[in-house]
Amino acid sequence: MYLHIGNKNSVKKKDIIGIFDLDPATVSGITKKFINKNQKEGKVEYTDTDLPRSFILLDEGGECCVKLSRISTGGLRLRAE
């Protein structure tokens, strides 16, 4: 099964490690460093031009990937159910 994460982008549900709210997550220094490190390595993908509200951490074939979405964590959770 797939989860639509916005702007015609979908991910495999089995690849999802976690879905996180971007506002509280970026308060943590560890999370900021994690996202910045992955962004420098080209592993962060923006799914839309709007301000992101959540990020999805994925395991795509053994590779960690971060996708930023304008859809809230609650909205993504409802879509996943």
N, C-alpha and C. Protein backbone atom coordinates (compact mmCIF):
# COMPACT_ATOMS: atom_id res chain seq x y z
N MET A 1 0.84 -1.18 0.00
CA MET A 1 0.00 0.00 0.00
C MET A 1 0.89 1.25 0.00
N TYR A 2 0.28 2.33 -0.47
CA TYR A 2 0.99 3.59 -0.57
C TYR A 2 0.30 4.66 0.27
N LEU A 3 1.08 5.65 0.70
CA LEU A 3 0.56 6.79 1.42
C LEU A 3 0.84 8.04 0.60
N HIS A 4 -0.22 8.78 0.28
CA HIS A 4 -0.07 10.03 -0.46
C HIS A 4 0.39 11.10 0.52
N ILE A 5 1.53 11.73 0.24
CA ILE A 5 2.09 12.71 1.17
C ILE A 5 2.01 14.14 0.64
N GLY A 6 1.28 14.33 -0.44
CA GLY A 6 1.06 15.67 -0.97
C GLY A 6 1.69 15.87 -2.33
N ASN A 7 1.04 16.75 -3.10
CA ASN A 7 1.54 17.19 -4.41
C ASN A 7 1.94 16.02 -5.33
N LYS A 8 1.03 15.07 -5.44
CA LYS A 8 1.19 13.91 -6.33
C LYS A 8 2.38 13.01 -5.95
N ASN A 9 2.77 13.04 -4.68
CA ASN A 9 3.86 12.19 -4.19
C ASN A 9 3.30 11.13 -3.26
N SER A 10 3.73 9.90 -3.45
CA SER A 10 3.32 8.79 -2.60
C SER A 10 4.55 8.00 -2.19
N VAL A 11 4.46 7.37 -1.02
CA VAL A 11 5.54 6.51 -0.53
C VAL A 11 4.94 5.17 -0.12
N LYS A 12 5.76 4.14 -0.16
CA LYS A 12 5.31 2.83 0.29
C LYS A 12 5.19 2.85 1.82
N LYS A 13 4.06 2.38 2.32
CA LYS A 13 3.85 2.36 3.77
C LYS A 13 4.90 1.53 4.48
N LYS A 14 5.33 0.44 3.86
CA LYS A 14 6.31 -0.44 4.50
C LYS A 14 7.68 0.23 4.65
N ASP A 15 7.94 1.28 3.89
CA ASP A 15 9.21 1.99 3.97
C ASP A 15 9.23 3.08 5.05
N ILE A 16 8.06 3.40 5.60
CA ILE A 16 7.97 4.49 6.57
C ILE A 16 8.53 4.04 7.93
N ILE A 17 9.49 4.80 8.42
CA ILE A 17 10.05 4.58 9.75
C ILE A 17 9.26 5.42 10.75
N GLY A 18 8.95 6.66 10.37
CA GLY A 18 8.19 7.54 11.26
C GLY A 18 7.71 8.78 10.55
N ILE A 19 6.66 9.38 11.11
CA ILE A 19 6.12 10.64 10.62
C ILE A 19 6.17 11.62 11.79
N PHE A 20 6.79 12.78 11.56
CA PHE A 20 7.06 13.71 12.65
C PHE A 20 6.56 15.11 12.33
N ASP A 21 6.08 15.79 13.35
CA ASP A 21 5.66 17.18 13.24
C ASP A 21 6.93 18.02 13.15
N LEU A 22 7.02 18.87 12.16
CA LEU A 22 8.26 19.60 11.92
C LEU A 22 8.53 20.68 12.97
N ASP A 23 7.52 21.35 13.48
CA ASP A 23 7.74 22.43 14.44
C ASP A 23 8.42 21.96 15.72
N PRO A 24 7.83 21.02 16.48
CA PRO A 24 8.52 20.60 17.70
C PRO A 24 9.81 19.83 17.44
N ALA A 25 9.87 19.13 16.33
CA ALA A 25 11.05 18.32 16.02
C ALA A 25 12.27 19.19 15.77
N THR A 26 12.09 20.35 15.15
CA THR A 26 13.23 21.20 14.83
C THR A 26 13.70 22.00 16.03
N VAL A 27 12.99 21.96 17.14
CA VAL A 27 13.44 22.60 18.36
C VAL A 27 14.62 21.82 18.93
N SER A 28 14.59 20.51 18.74
CA SER A 28 15.67 19.64 19.22
C SER A 28 16.91 19.82 18.35
N GLY A 29 18.04 20.03 19.00
CA GLY A 29 19.29 20.19 18.28
C GLY A 29 19.68 18.94 17.52
N ILE A 30 19.38 17.78 18.10
CA ILE A 30 19.72 16.51 17.44
C ILE A 30 18.95 16.35 16.14
N THR A 31 17.66 16.69 16.18
CA THR A 31 16.84 16.58 14.97
C THR A 31 17.30 17.56 13.91
N LYS A 32 17.63 18.79 14.31
CA LYS A 32 18.14 19.78 13.36
C LYS A 32 19.39 19.26 12.67
N LYS A 33 20.32 18.72 13.46
CA LYS A 33 21.55 18.19 12.90
C LYS A 33 21.27 17.04 11.94
N PHE A 34 20.32 16.17 12.32
CA PHE A 34 19.97 15.03 11.47
C PHE A 34 19.43 15.49 10.13
N ILE A 35 18.49 16.44 10.15
CA ILE A 35 17.90 16.94 8.89
C ILE A 35 18.95 17.67 8.08
N ASN A 36 19.77 18.52 8.71
CA ASN A 36 20.81 19.24 7.98
C ASN A 36 21.82 18.29 7.34
N LYS A 37 22.22 17.25 8.07
CA LYS A 37 23.18 16.26 7.55
C LYS A 37 22.59 15.58 6.32
N ASN A 38 21.34 15.15 6.41
CA ASN A 38 20.70 14.48 5.28
C ASN A 38 20.48 15.43 4.12
N GLN A 39 20.23 16.70 4.41
CA GLN A 39 20.05 17.68 3.34
C GLN A 39 21.37 17.88 2.59
N LYS A 40 22.47 17.95 3.31
CA LYS A 40 23.78 18.10 2.66
C LYS A 40 24.12 16.90 1.79
N GLU A 41 23.64 15.72 2.19
CA GLU A 41 23.89 14.50 1.43
C GLU A 41 22.88 14.29 0.31
N GLY A 42 21.94 15.22 0.15
CA GLY A 42 20.95 15.13 -0.91
C GLY A 42 19.85 14.13 -0.64
N LYS A 43 19.60 13.84 0.63
CA LYS A 43 18.60 12.85 1.00
C LYS A 43 17.31 13.47 1.53
N VAL A 44 17.16 14.78 1.37
CA VAL A 44 15.93 15.46 1.79
C VAL A 44 15.20 15.92 0.54
N GLU A 45 13.91 15.59 0.48
CA GLU A 45 13.11 15.95 -0.68
C GLU A 45 11.90 16.77 -0.23
N TYR A 46 11.71 17.91 -0.85
CA TYR A 46 10.54 18.75 -0.60
C TYR A 46 9.44 18.29 -1.55
N THR A 47 8.28 17.94 -1.01
CA THR A 47 7.20 17.45 -1.86
C THR A 47 6.34 18.58 -2.39
N ASP A 48 6.56 19.81 -1.91
CA ASP A 48 5.72 20.93 -2.31
C ASP A 48 6.51 22.21 -2.12
N THR A 49 6.04 23.29 -2.72
CA THR A 49 6.68 24.59 -2.54
C THR A 49 6.16 25.31 -1.31
N ASP A 50 5.04 24.84 -0.74
CA ASP A 50 4.50 25.44 0.48
C ASP A 50 5.37 25.11 1.68
N LEU A 51 5.16 25.84 2.76
CA LEU A 51 5.88 25.62 4.01
C LEU A 51 5.60 24.21 4.53
N PRO A 52 6.63 23.40 4.76
CA PRO A 52 6.39 22.04 5.25
C PRO A 52 5.90 22.03 6.69
N ARG A 53 5.01 21.08 7.00
CA ARG A 53 4.45 20.94 8.35
C ARG A 53 4.90 19.65 9.01
N SER A 54 5.37 18.69 8.21
CA SER A 54 5.79 17.41 8.76
C SER A 54 6.92 16.85 7.91
N PHE A 55 7.60 15.84 8.48
CA PHE A 55 8.57 15.12 7.68
C PHE A 55 8.41 13.63 7.90
N ILE A 56 8.66 12.90 6.83
CA ILE A 56 8.50 11.45 6.83
C ILE A 56 9.89 10.86 6.69
N LEU A 57 10.26 10.01 7.63
CA LEU A 57 11.54 9.33 7.59
C LEU A 57 11.32 7.96 6.97
N LEU A 58 12.08 7.67 5.92
CA LEU A 58 11.89 6.44 5.14
C LEU A 58 13.17 5.62 5.06
N ASP A 59 12.98 4.33 4.92
CA ASP A 59 14.07 3.40 4.63
C ASP A 59 13.81 2.87 3.22
N GLU A 60 14.51 3.43 2.26
CA GLU A 60 14.32 3.04 0.86
C GLU A 60 15.49 2.19 0.42
N GLY A 61 15.33 0.89 0.54
CA GLY A 61 16.37 -0.04 0.13
C GLY A 61 17.64 0.09 0.95
N GLY A 62 17.50 0.31 2.25
CA GLY A 62 18.66 0.43 3.12
C GLY A 62 19.20 1.85 3.24
N GLU A 63 18.67 2.76 2.46
CA GLU A 63 19.07 4.16 2.50
C GLU A 63 18.05 4.98 3.27
N CYS A 64 18.54 5.83 4.15
CA CYS A 64 17.65 6.74 4.89
C CYS A 64 17.28 7.90 3.98
N CYS A 65 16.02 8.30 4.02
CA CYS A 65 15.52 9.38 3.18
C CYS A 65 14.52 10.20 4.00
N VAL A 66 14.52 11.50 3.82
CA VAL A 66 13.59 12.39 4.52
C VAL A 66 12.77 13.12 3.47
N LYS A 67 11.45 13.06 3.62
CA LYS A 67 10.55 13.79 2.72
C LYS A 67 9.76 14.79 3.55
N LEU A 68 9.79 16.05 3.13
CA LEU A 68 9.06 17.10 3.81
C LEU A 68 7.71 17.27 3.14
N SER A 69 6.66 17.39 3.95
CA SER A 69 5.30 17.48 3.42
C SER A 69 4.56 18.65 4.05
N ARG A 70 3.68 19.27 3.28
CA ARG A 70 2.85 20.35 3.80
C ARG A 70 1.65 19.82 4.57
N ILE A 71 1.42 18.51 4.53
CA ILE A 71 0.30 17.88 5.23
C ILE A 71 0.71 17.62 6.67
N SER A 72 -0.17 17.91 7.60
CA SER A 72 0.12 17.73 9.02
C SER A 72 0.26 16.25 9.36
N THR A 73 0.87 15.99 10.50
CA THR A 73 1.03 14.60 10.94
C THR A 73 -0.33 13.95 11.16
N GLY A 74 -1.30 14.70 11.67
CA GLY A 74 -2.65 14.16 11.86
C GLY A 74 -3.30 13.79 10.54
N GLY A 75 -3.13 14.63 9.54
CA GLY A 75 -3.68 14.35 8.21
C GLY A 75 -3.03 13.13 7.59
N LEU A 76 -1.73 13.01 7.73
CA LEU A 76 -1.03 11.84 7.20
C LEU A 76 -1.45 10.56 7.94
N ARG A 77 -1.65 10.67 9.24
CA ARG A 77 -2.09 9.52 10.01
C ARG A 77 -3.46 9.03 9.55
N LEU A 78 -4.38 9.97 9.32
CA LEU A 78 -5.73 9.61 8.84
C LEU A 78 -5.65 8.95 7.46
N ARG A 79 -4.78 9.45 6.59
CA ARG A 79 -4.63 8.87 5.26
C ARG A 79 -4.05 7.46 5.35
N ALA A 80 -3.19 7.24 6.33
CA ALA A 80 -2.54 5.94 6.48
C ALA A 80 -3.49 4.86 7.00
N GLU A 81 -4.54 5.27 7.69
CA GLU A 81 -5.46 4.28 8.30
C GLU A 81 -6.44 3.71 7.30
